[in-house]
PDB file of N, CA and C in Angstrom:
ATOM      1  N   MET A   1       0.622  -0.968  -0.091  1.00  0.00           N
ATOM      2  CA  MET A   1      -0.023   0.062  -0.053  1.00  0.00           C
ATOM      3  C   MET A   1       0.957   1.184   0.326  1.00  0.00           C
ATOM      4  N   ALA A   2       0.413   2.117  -0.986  1.00  0.00           N
ATOM      5  CA  ALA A   2       1.207   3.359  -0.779  1.00  0.00           C
ATOM      6  C   ALA A   2       1.323   4.143   0.111  1.00  0.00           C
ATOM      7  N   ALA A   3       1.978   5.345   0.542  1.00  0.00           N
ATOM      8  CA  ALA A   3       1.891   5.844   1.608  1.00  0.00           C
ATOM      9  C   ALA A   3       0.321   7.199   1.558  1.00  0.00           C
ATOM     10  N   ALA A   4       0.255   7.467   0.222  1.00  0.00           N
ATOM     11  CA  ALA A   4      -0.903   8.267  -0.041  1.00  0.00           C
ATOM     12  C   ALA A   4      -1.708   7.721   0.240  1.00  0.00           C
ATOM     13  N   ASP A   5      -2.152   6.318   0.033  1.00  0.00           N
ATOM     14  CA  ASP A   5      -3.308   5.445   0.466  1.00  0.00           C
ATOM     15  C   ASP A   5      -3.532   5.620   2.158  1.00  0.00           C
ATOM     16  N   ALA A   6      -2.247   5.053   2.506  1.00  0.00           N
ATOM     17  CA  ALA A   6      -2.725   4.781   3.984  1.00  0.00           C
ATOM     18  C   ALA A   6      -3.111   6.388   4.346  1.00  0.00           C
ATOM     19  N   TYR A   7      -2.722   7.641   3.841  1.00  0.00           N
ATOM     20  CA  TYR A   7      -3.252   8.765   4.851  1.00  0.00           C
ATOM     21  C   TYR A   7      -4.378   8.847   4.451  1.00  0.00           C
ATOM     22  N   ALA A   8      -5.037   8.379   3.206  1.00  0.00           N
ATOM     23  CA  ALA A   8      -6.047   8.835   2.745  1.00  0.00           C
ATOM     24  C   ALA A   8      -7.269   8.070   3.710  1.00  0.00           C
ATOM     25  N   ALA A   9      -6.828   7.194   3.772  1.00  0.00           N
ATOM     26  CA  ALA A   9      -7.688   5.691   4.719  1.00  0.00           C
ATOM     27  C   ALA A   9      -7.802   6.440   6.429  1.00  0.00           C
ATOM     28  N   ALA A  10      -6.604   6.773   6.908  1.00  0.00           N
ATOM     29  CA  ALA A  10      -6.717   7.143   8.115  1.00  0.00           C
ATOM     30  C   ALA A  10      -7.550   8.489   8.739  1.00  0.00           C
ATOM     31  N   PRO A  11      -8.725   7.922   9.777  1.00  0.00           N
ATOM     32  CA  PRO A  11      -8.924   8.819  10.486  1.00  0.00           C
ATOM     33  C   PRO A  11      -8.703  10.024  10.870  1.00  0.00           C
ATOM     34  N   THR A  12      -9.494  11.407  10.491  1.00  0.00           N
ATOM     35  CA  THR A  12      -9.144  12.425  10.987  1.00  0.00           C
ATOM     36  C   THR A  12      -9.450  12.766  11.897  1.00  0.00           C
ATOM     37  N   PRO A  13      -8.351  12.885  13.059  1.00  0.00           N
ATOM     38  CA  PRO A  13      -8.802  13.413  14.422  1.00  0.00           C
ATOM     39  C   PRO A  13     -10.256  15.036  14.279  1.00  0.00           C
ATOM     40  N   ASN A  14     -10.598  14.893  15.169  1.00  0.00           N
ATOM     41  CA  ASN A  14     -11.633  15.572  15.274  1.00  0.00           C
ATOM     42  C   ASN A  14     -12.579  16.433  14.376  1.00  0.00           C
ATOM     43  N   ALA A  15     -12.557  14.920  13.082  1.00  0.00           N
ATOM     44  CA  ALA A  15     -13.282  15.278  12.743  1.00  0.00           C
ATOM     45  C   ALA A  15     -14.859  15.098  12.857  1.00  0.00           C
ATOM     46  N   ALA A  16     -15.887  15.879  12.241  1.00  0.00           N
ATOM     47  CA  ALA A  16     -17.102  15.063  12.430  1.00  0.00           C
ATOM     48  C   ALA A  16     -17.762  14.114  11.509  1.00  0.00           C
ATOM     49  N   PRO A  17     -18.672  13.334  12.469  1.00  0.00           N
ATOM     50  CA  PRO A  17     -18.937  11.833  11.815  1.00  0.00           C
ATOM     51  C   PRO A  17     -19.598  11.981  10.613  1.00  0.00           C
ATOM     52  N   ALA A  18     -19.559  10.809  10.019  1.00  0.00           N
ATOM     53  CA  ALA A  18     -20.193  10.934   8.723  1.00  0.00           C
ATOM     54  C   ALA A  18     -21.630  10.479   9.027  1.00  0.00           C
ATOM     55  N   PRO A  19     -22.295  11.383   8.197  1.00  0.00           N
ATOM     56  CA  PRO A  19     -23.981  11.667   8.621  1.00  0.00           C
ATOM     57  C   PRO A  19     -24.792   9.915   8.070  1.00  0.00           C
ATOM     58  N   VAL A  20     -25.540  10.043   9.100  1.00  0.00           N
ATOM     59  CA  VAL A  20     -25.971   8.457   9.255  1.00  0.00           C
ATOM     60  C   VAL A  20     -27.472   8.381   7.985  1.00  0.00           C
ATOM     61  N   VAL A  21     -27.657   7.988   6.671  1.00  0.00           N
ATOM     62  CA  VAL A  21     -28.287   7.917   5.951  1.00  0.00           C
ATOM     63  C   VAL A  21     -29.284   7.098   6.010  1.00  0.00           C
ATOM     64  N   ALA A  22     -30.756   7.493   6.596  1.00  0.00           N
ATOM     65  CA  ALA A  22     -31.301   6.356   6.588  1.00  0.00           C
ATOM     66  C   ALA A  22     -32.366   6.144   5.065  1.00  0.00           C
ATOM     67  N   SER A  23     -32.427   4.909   4.715  1.00  0.00           N
ATOM     68  CA  SER A  23     -33.250   4.644   3.511  1.00  0.00           C
ATOM     69  C   SER A  23     -34.257   3.461   3.602  1.00  0.00           C
ATOM     70  N   ALA A  24     -35.529   3.131   2.883  1.00  0.00           N
ATOM     71  CA  ALA A  24     -36.620   2.518   2.822  1.00  0.00           C
ATOM     72  C   ALA A  24     -36.331   1.794   1.590  1.00  0.00           C
ATOM     73  N   THR A  25     -36.075   0.449   1.752  1.00  0.00           N
ATOM     74  CA  THR A  25     -36.764  -0.255   0.571  1.00  0.00           C
ATOM     75  C   THR A  25     -37.921  -1.354   0.201  1.00  0.00           C
ATOM     76  N   ALA A  26     -38.223  -1.573  -0.754  1.00  0.00           N
ATOM     77  CA  ALA A  26     -39.909  -1.710  -0.872  1.00  0.00           C
ATOM     78  C   ALA A  26     -39.347  -3.256  -1.601  1.00  0.00           C
ATOM     79  N   THR A  27     -40.079  -4.615  -1.074  1.00  0.00           N
ATOM     80  CA  THR A  27     -39.934  -5.227  -2.300  1.00  0.00           C
ATOM     81  C   THR A  27     -41.061  -5.519  -3.215  1.00  0.00           C
ATOM     82  N   ILE A  28     -40.417  -5.484  -4.404  1.00  0.00           N
ATOM     83  CA  ILE A  28     -41.116  -5.594  -5.329  1.00  0.00           C
ATOM     84  C   ILE A  28     -41.865  -7.364  -5.939  1.00  0.00           C
ATOM     85  N   PRO A  29     -42.629  -7.974  -5.450  1.00  0.00           N
ATOM     86  CA  PRO A  29     -43.033  -9.075  -5.581  1.00  0.00           C
ATOM     87  C   PRO A  29     -42.328  -9.271  -7.550  1.00  0.00           C
ATOM     88  N   ALA A  30     -41.693 -10.590  -7.771  1.00  0.00           N
ATOM     89  CA  ALA A  30     -41.166 -11.128  -9.244  1.00  0.00           C
ATOM     90  C   ALA A  30     -42.417 -10.944 -10.014  1.00  0.00           C
ATOM     91  N   ALA A  31     -41.994 -10.738 -11.537  1.00  0.00           N
ATOM     92  CA  ALA A  31     -43.456 -10.511 -12.225  1.00  0.00           C
ATOM     93  C   ALA A  31     -44.111 -12.432 -12.275  1.00  0.00           C
ATOM     94  N   SER A  32     -44.763 -12.457 -12.426  1.00  0.00           N
ATOM     95  CA  SER A  32     -45.379 -13.778 -12.076  1.00  0.00           C
ATOM     96  C   SER A  32     -46.786 -13.947 -13.061  1.00  0.00           C
ATOM     97  N   GLU A  33     -47.491 -14.656 -13.375  1.00  0.00           N
ATOM     98  CA  GLU A  33     -49.004 -14.579 -13.842  1.00  0.00           C
ATOM     99  C   GLU A  33     -50.106 -14.264 -12.941  1.00  0.00           C
ATOM    100  N   PRO A  34     -50.833 -13.431 -13.379  1.00  0.00           N
ATOM    101  CA  PRO A  34     -51.661 -12.656 -12.684  1.00  0.00           C
ATOM    102  C   PRO A  34     -53.022 -13.464 -11.691  1.00  0.00           C
ATOM    103  N   VAL A  35     -53.023 -13.202 -11.040  1.00  0.00           N
ATOM    104  CA  VAL A  35     -54.141 -14.161 -10.068  1.00  0.00           C
ATOM    105  C   VAL A  35     -55.827 -13.917 -10.545  1.00  0.00           C
ATOM    106  N   TYR A  36     -56.006 -15.580 -11.169  1.00  0.00           N
ATOM    107  CA  TYR A  36     -57.290 -15.153 -11.661  1.00  0.00           C
ATOM    108  C   TYR A  36     -58.453 -15.033 -10.493  1.00  0.00           C
ATOM    109  N   THR A  37     -59.657 -14.261 -11.021  1.00  0.00           N
ATOM    110  CA  THR A  37     -60.219 -13.983 -10.140  1.00  0.00           C
ATOM    111  C   THR A  37     -61.538 -14.294 -10.857  1.00  0.00           C
ATOM    112  N   LEU A  38     -62.553 -14.979  -9.564  1.00  0.00           N
ATOM    113  CA  LEU A  38     -64.030 -15.106 -10.030  1.00  0.00           C
ATOM    114  C   LEU A  38     -65.064 -14.396 -10.965  1.00  0.00           C
ATOM    115  N   ASP A  39     -65.788 -14.103 -12.054  1.00  0.00           N
ATOM    116  CA  ASP A  39     -66.646 -13.279 -12.034  1.00  0.00           C
ATOM    117  C   ASP A  39     -68.028 -14.391 -12.938  1.00  0.00           C
ATOM    118  N   THR A  40     -68.842 -13.091 -13.112  1.00  0.00           N
ATOM    119  CA  THR A  40     -69.971 -13.469 -13.754  1.00  0.00           C
ATOM    120  C   THR A  40     -69.641 -14.791 -14.729  1.00  0.00           C
ATOM    121  N   GLY A  41     -70.703 -15.929 -14.918  1.00  0.00           N
ATOM    122  CA  GLY A  41     -70.436 -16.802 -16.069  1.00  0.00           C
ATOM    123  C   GLY A  41     -69.665 -17.831 -15.630  1.00  0.00           C
ATOM    124  N   ASP A  42     -68.981 -17.781 -14.709  1.00  0.00           N
ATOM    125  CA  ASP A  42     -67.880 -18.600 -14.655  1.00  0.00           C
ATOM    126  C   ASP A  42     -68.372 -19.900 -13.684  1.00  0.00           C
ATOM    127  N   LYS A  43     -68.299 -21.078 -14.045  1.00  0.00           N
ATOM    128  CA  LYS A  43     -68.877 -22.267 -13.701  1.00  0.00           C
ATOM    129  C   LYS A  43     -67.639 -23.079 -12.632  1.00  0.00           C
ATOM    130  N   LEU A  44     -68.258 -23.370 -11.393  1.00  0.00           N
ATOM    131  CA  LEU A  44     -67.432 -23.724 -10.536  1.00  0.00           C
ATOM    132  C   LEU A  44     -67.716 -25.062 -10.416  1.00  0.00           C
ATOM    133  N   ARG A  45     -67.090 -26.259 -10.026  1.00  0.00           N
ATOM    134  CA  ARG A  45     -66.945 -27.463  -9.535  1.00  0.00           C
ATOM    135  C   ARG A  45     -67.019 -27.766  -7.872  1.00  0.00           C
ATOM    136  N   VAL A  46     -68.098 -27.799  -7.252  1.00  0.00           N
ATOM    137  CA  VAL A  46     -68.473 -27.864  -5.726  1.00  0.00           C
ATOM    138  C   VAL A  46     -68.163 -29.525  -5.089  1.00  0.00           C
ATOM    139  N   GLY A  47     -67.414 -29.799  -4.851  1.00  0.00           N
ATOM    140  CA  GLY A  47     -67.793 -31.518  -4.243  1.00  0.00           C
ATOM    141  C   GLY A  47     -67.278 -31.448  -3.035  1.00  0.00           C
ATOM    142  N   VAL A  48     -68.479 -31.977  -2.174  1.00  0.00           N
ATOM    143  CA  VAL A  48     -68.414 -32.370  -0.429  1.00  0.00           C
ATOM    144  C   VAL A  48     -68.058 -33.831  -0.526  1.00  0.00           C
ATOM    145  N   PHE A  49     -67.299 -33.903  -0.258  1.00  0.00           N
ATOM    146  CA  PHE A  49     -66.224 -35.178   0.678  1.00  0.00           C
ATOM    147  C   PHE A  49     -67.581 -36.082   1.197  1.00  0.00           C
ATOM    148  N   GLY A  50     -67.987 -37.190   0.592  1.00  0.00           N
ATOM    149  CA  GLY A  50     -68.727 -37.816   1.027  1.00  0.00           C
ATOM    150  C   GLY A  50     -70.459 -37.889   0.802  1.00  0.00           C
ATOM    151  N   GLN A  51     -70.145 -36.690   0.557  1.00  0.00           N
ATOM    152  CA  GLN A  51     -71.879 -36.008  -0.354  1.00  0.00           C
ATOM    153  C   GLN A  51     -72.025 -35.784  -1.865  1.00  0.00           C
ATOM    154  N   ASP A  52     -72.077 -36.885  -2.281  1.00  0.00           N
ATOM    155  CA  ASP A  52     -72.641 -36.865  -4.123  1.00  0.00           C
ATOM    156  C   ASP A  52     -73.476 -36.425  -4.477  1.00  0.00           C
ATOM    157  N   GLY A  53     -74.715 -36.681  -3.660  1.00  0.00           N
ATOM    158  CA  GLY A  53     -75.860 -35.782  -4.025  1.00  0.00           C
ATOM    159  C   GLY A  53     -76.287 -33.928  -4.272  1.00  0.00           C
ATOM    160  N   ILE A  54     -74.791 -33.829  -3.249  1.00  0.00           N
ATOM    161  CA  ILE A  54     -74.835 -32.381  -3.330  1.00  0.00           C
ATOM    162  C   ILE A  54     -73.803 -31.788  -3.932  1.00  0.00           C
ATOM    163  N   SER A  55     -72.879 -32.619  -4.393  1.00  0.00           N
ATOM    164  CA  SER A  55     -71.278 -32.435  -5.355  1.00  0.00           C
ATOM    165  C   SER A  55     -71.879 -32.137  -6.531  1.00  0.00           C
ATOM    166  N   ASN A  56     -71.338 -30.609  -7.081  1.00  0.00           N
ATOM    167  CA  ASN A  56     -72.348 -30.366  -8.153  1.00  0.00           C
ATOM    168  C   ASN A  56     -71.084 -29.199  -8.807  1.00  0.00           C
ATOM    169  N   SER A  57     -71.818 -28.854 -10.381  1.00  0.00           N
ATOM    170  CA  SER A  57     -71.133 -27.794 -10.491  1.00  0.00           C
ATOM    171  C   SER A  57     -72.431 -26.867 -10.804  1.00  0.00           C
ATOM    172  N   PHE A  58     -71.730 -25.241 -10.418  1.00  0.00           N
ATOM    173  CA  PHE A  58     -72.701 -24.248  -9.985  1.00  0.00           C
ATOM    174  C   PHE A  58     -71.784 -22.941 -10.906  1.00  0.00           C
ATOM    175  N   ILE A  59     -72.738 -22.127 -11.233  1.00  0.00           N
ATOM    176  CA  ILE A  59     -72.534 -21.379 -12.030  1.00  0.00           C
ATOM    177  C   ILE A  59     -72.403 -19.516 -11.356  1.00  0.00           C
ATOM    178  N   VAL A  60     -71.521 -18.847 -11.563  1.00  0.00           N
ATOM    179  CA  VAL A  60     -71.074 -17.405 -11.227  1.00  0.00           C
ATOM    180  C   VAL A  60     -72.312 -16.813 -11.496  1.00  0.00           C
ATOM    181  N   ASP A  61     -73.574 -16.007 -11.007  1.00  0.00           N
ATOM    182  CA  ASP A  61     -74.704 -15.518 -11.505  1.00  0.00           C
ATOM    183  C   ASP A  61     -74.216 -14.000 -11.822  1.00  0.00           C
ATOM    184  N   ALA A  62     -75.566 -13.122 -12.281  1.00  0.00           N
ATOM    185  CA  ALA A  62     -74.715 -11.856 -13.034  1.00  0.00           C
ATOM    186  C   ALA A  62     -74.649 -11.123 -11.771  1.00  0.00           C
ATOM    187  N   GLY A  63     -74.977 -11.071 -10.486  1.00  0.00           N
ATOM    188  CA  GLY A  63     -74.676 -10.401  -9.257  1.00  0.00           C
ATOM    189  C   GLY A  63     -73.806 -11.062  -9.314  1.00  0.00           C
ATOM    190  N   GLY A  64     -73.057 -11.691  -9.412  1.00  0.00           N
ATOM    191  CA  GLY A  64     -71.765 -12.253  -9.156  1.00  0.00           C
ATOM    192  C   GLY A  64     -71.478 -13.508  -7.591  1.00  0.00           C
ATOM    193  N   LYS A  65     -72.575 -14.038  -7.470  1.00  0.00           N
ATOM    194  CA  LYS A  65     -73.378 -14.658  -6.219  1.00  0.00           C
ATOM    195  C   LYS A  65     -73.259 -15.984  -7.138  1.00  0.00           C
ATOM    196  N   VAL A  66     -72.975 -17.116  -6.029  1.00  0.00           N
ATOM    197  CA  VAL A  66     -73.311 -18.441  -6.424  1.00  0.00           C
ATOM    198  C   VAL A  66     -74.401 -19.128  -5.423  1.00  0.00           C
ATOM    199  N   ASN A  67     -75.060 -19.631  -5.585  1.00  0.00           N
ATOM    200  CA  ASN A  67     -76.089 -20.485  -4.869  1.00  0.00           C
ATOM    201  C   ASN A  67     -75.653 -21.954  -4.427  1.00  0.00           C
ATOM    202  N   LEU A  68     -75.034 -22.295  -3.121  1.00  0.00           N
ATOM    203  CA  LEU A  68     -74.715 -23.599  -2.970  1.00  0.00           C
ATOM    204  C   LEU A  68     -75.281 -24.392  -2.142  1.00  0.00           C
ATOM    205  N   PRO A  69     -75.569 -25.511  -1.783  1.00  0.00           N
ATOM    206  CA  PRO A  69     -76.269 -26.343  -1.286  1.00  0.00           C
ATOM    207  C   PRO A  69     -75.740 -26.378   0.288  1.00  0.00           C
ATOM    208  N   LEU A  70     -76.691 -26.174   0.746  1.00  0.00           N
ATOM    209  CA  LEU A  70     -76.306 -26.097   2.682  1.00  0.00           C
ATOM    210  C   LEU A  70     -75.552 -24.885   2.962  1.00  0.00           C
ATOM    211  N   ILE A  71     -74.784 -24.166   2.465  1.00  0.00           N
ATOM    212  CA  ILE A  71     -75.056 -22.471   2.769  1.00  0.00           C
ATOM    213  C   ILE A  71     -75.173 -21.713   1.754  1.00  0.00           C
ATOM    214  N   GLY A  72     -76.412 -21.628   0.840  1.00  0.00           N
ATOM    215  CA  GLY A  72     -76.788 -20.854   0.597  1.00  0.00           C
ATOM    216  C   GLY A  72     -76.306 -19.719  -0.699  1.00  0.00           C
ATOM    217  N   THR A  73     -76.739 -18.123  -0.657  1.00  0.00           N
ATOM    218  CA  THR A  73     -75.842 -17.734  -1.718  1.00  0.00           C
ATOM    219  C   THR A  73     -74.497 -17.014  -1.359  1.00  0.00           C
ATOM    220  N   VAL A  74     -73.206 -17.076  -1.974  1.00  0.00           N
ATOM    221  CA  VAL A  74     -72.328 -16.696  -0.980  1.00  0.00           C
ATOM    222  C   VAL A  74     -71.724 -15.991  -2.745  1.00  0.00           C
ATOM    223  N   THR A  75     -71.081 -14.388  -2.092  1.00  0.00           N
ATOM    224  CA  THR A  75     -70.599 -13.876  -3.184  1.00  0.00           C
ATOM    225  C   THR A  75     -69.279 -14.550  -3.694  1.00  0.00           C
ATOM    226  N   ALA A  76     -68.991 -14.670  -5.218  1.00  0.00           N
ATOM    227  CA  ALA A  76     -67.786 -15.127  -5.731  1.00  0.00           C
ATOM    228  C   ALA A  76     -67.086 -14.343  -5.840  1.00  0.00           C
ATOM    229  N   ARG A  77     -67.805 -13.138  -6.947  1.00  0.00           N
ATOM    230  CA  ARG A  77     -67.193 -11.944  -8.101  1.00  0.00           C
ATOM    231  C   ARG A  77     -66.058 -11.275  -7.207  1.00  0.00           C
ATOM    232  N   SER A  78     -64.746 -11.228  -7.924  1.00  0.00           N
ATOM    233  CA  SER A  78     -63.362 -10.662  -7.169  1.00  0.00           C
ATOM    234  C   SER A  78     -62.729 -11.778  -6.612  1.00  0.00           C
ATOM    235  N   LEU A  79     -63.443 -12.609  -6.027  1.00  0.00           N
ATOM    236  CA  LEU A  79     -62.260 -13.518  -5.382  1.00  0.00           C
ATOM    237  C   LEU A  79     -61.665 -14.613  -6.243  1.00  0.00           C
ATOM    238  N   THR A  80     -60.511 -15.037  -5.520  1.00  0.00           N
ATOM    239  CA  THR A  80     -59.899 -15.876  -6.294  1.00  0.00           C
ATOM    240  C   THR A  80     -60.747 -17.752  -6.048  1.00  0.00           C
ATOM    241  N   ASN A  81     -60.250 -18.625  -6.544  1.00  0.00           N
ATOM    242  CA  ASN A  81     -60.976 -19.933  -5.671  1.00  0.00           C
ATOM    243  C   ASN A  81     -60.551 -20.410  -4.710  1.00  0.00           C
ATOM    244  N   GLN A  82     -59.111 -20.147  -4.411  1.00  0.00           N
ATOM    245  CA  GLN A  82     -58.999 -20.515  -2.656  1.00  0.00           C
ATOM    246  C   GLN A  82     -59.540 -19.431  -1.464  1.00  0.00           C
ATOM    247  N   GLN A  83     -60.015 -18.136  -2.408  1.00  0.00           N
ATOM    248  CA  GLN A  83     -60.819 -17.138  -0.997  1.00  0.00           C
ATOM    249  C   GLN A  83     -61.967 -17.625  -1.182  1.00  0.00           C
ATOM    250  N   LEU A  84     -62.653 -18.150  -1.997  1.00  0.00           N
ATOM    251  CA  LEU A  84     -64.053 -18.708  -2.158  1.00  0.00           C
ATOM    252  C   LEU A  84     -64.208 -19.948  -1.375  1.00  0.00           C
ATOM    253  N   ALA A  85     -63.223 -20.731  -1.107  1.00  0.00           N
ATOM    254  CA  ALA A  85     -63.273 -22.389  -0.667  1.00  0.00           C
ATOM    255  C   ALA A  85     -63.527 -21.698   0.856  1.00  0.00           C
TER     256      ALA A  85
END
C-alpha cells in the first residue's frame, strides 16, 4: 500500500462523524402470472366429501353470486378459488 493511500484512509482526529443516511426499500414481487378472480358466468365444480348428492357444478350469476347447497348464496365475484373455498 502506498503511503498516500494509507494517509487518505486514516481517520482525521476532530472530524465530524459521517452522516447516517436512512433508507427504505420496498420488495417488489417478481413478475408472475396474474391471479385469476371469479366473475359472472364462471362455472365452479364443488365437491363435498362423502356427499355425492350435493356435489355439482354451479355458475356465478350476473350479480357475482353463486347459490351453494347447505350454505346458500355466497358472493364469488373478485375472489380467487382459494378465497371462495
